[in-house]
């Protein structure tokens, strides 16, 4: 199973940077792999070109304690 979402988009007329996350897991697992992806692109003569991609990979993050983070 893959979950993903946008964390922070920064969009300007000639440049854009988007941060998003990906969670990779399987049903019944007590953990998941977490990736934070940042991609920057720029507009060159009407064509968007990739400027950089940075990926931070955190393997096997525990999920058995996540409920406590969201309890009120």
Protein backbone atom coordinates (compact mmCIF):
# COMPACT_ATOMS: atom_id res chain seq x y z
CA UNK A 1 0.00 0.00 0.00
CA UNK A 2 1.25 3.46 -0.84
CA UNK A 3 0.01 6.64 0.79
CA UNK A 4 1.19 10.03 -0.42
CA UNK A 5 0.39 13.69 -0.08
CA UNK A 6 1.70 17.17 -0.68
CA UNK A 7 3.45 18.78 2.28
CA UNK A 8 4.34 22.20 0.90
CA UNK A 9 3.98 23.55 -2.64
CA UNK A 10 5.79 26.78 -3.54
CA UNK A 11 4.78 27.98 -6.98
CA UNK A 12 6.05 31.08 -8.78
CA UNK A 13 5.65 31.99 -12.47
CA UNK A 14 9.06 30.62 -13.48
CA UNK A 15 9.97 28.28 -10.62
CA UNK A 16 8.21 25.68 -8.45
CA UNK A 17 9.22 23.48 -5.53
CA UNK A 18 6.94 20.75 -4.20
CA UNK A 19 7.56 18.70 -1.05
CA UNK A 20 5.51 15.57 -0.56
CA UNK A 21 5.64 12.34 1.39
CA UNK A 22 5.22 8.68 0.55
CA UNK A 23 4.43 5.92 3.04
CA UNK A 24 5.04 2.34 1.90
CA UNK A 25 3.48 -0.45 3.94
CA UNK A 26 1.57 -3.73 3.81
CA UNK A 27 -1.67 -4.63 5.60
CA UNK A 28 -1.04 -5.86 9.15
CA UNK A 29 2.43 -4.37 9.33
CA UNK A 30 3.65 -2.66 12.50
CA UNK A 31 5.76 -0.21 10.51
CA UNK A 32 6.22 1.53 7.22
CA UNK A 33 8.91 3.10 5.10
CA UNK A 34 8.74 6.90 4.92
CA UNK A 35 10.10 9.01 2.06
CA UNK A 36 10.13 12.79 1.91
CA UNK A 37 10.54 13.99 -1.68
CA UNK A 38 11.42 17.54 -2.73
CA UNK A 39 11.42 18.42 -6.40
CA UNK A 40 12.34 21.80 -7.90
CA UNK A 41 11.56 22.76 -11.49
CA UNK A 42 12.02 25.91 -13.54
CA UNK A 43 10.42 27.26 -16.68
CA UNK A 44 12.81 27.70 -19.59
CA UNK A 45 11.21 29.14 -22.72
CA UNK A 46 7.80 27.66 -21.90
CA UNK A 47 9.11 24.21 -20.95
CA UNK A 48 9.37 23.02 -17.35
CA UNK A 49 12.75 21.45 -16.57
CA UNK A 50 13.77 19.54 -13.45
CA UNK A 51 16.34 21.45 -11.42
CA UNK A 52 16.80 19.09 -8.47
CA UNK A 53 15.27 16.15 -6.65
CA UNK A 54 16.09 15.35 -3.04
CA UNK A 55 14.72 12.21 -1.38
CA UNK A 56 15.12 11.39 2.31
CA UNK A 57 14.38 7.72 3.07
CA UNK A 58 13.56 6.58 6.61
CA UNK A 59 13.14 2.79 6.75
CA UNK A 60 10.70 0.93 8.95
CA UNK A 61 9.03 3.63 11.05
CA UNK A 62 6.94 2.08 13.83
CA UNK A 63 3.19 2.58 13.52
CA UNK A 64 2.02 0.82 16.68
CA UNK A 65 2.37 4.08 18.65
CA UNK A 66 0.82 6.53 16.17
CA UNK A 67 -2.58 6.60 17.90
CA UNK A 68 -1.01 8.26 20.94
CA UNK A 69 0.20 11.16 18.77
CA UNK A 70 -3.38 12.05 17.80
CA UNK A 71 -5.23 11.41 21.09
CA UNK A 72 -6.73 14.49 22.71
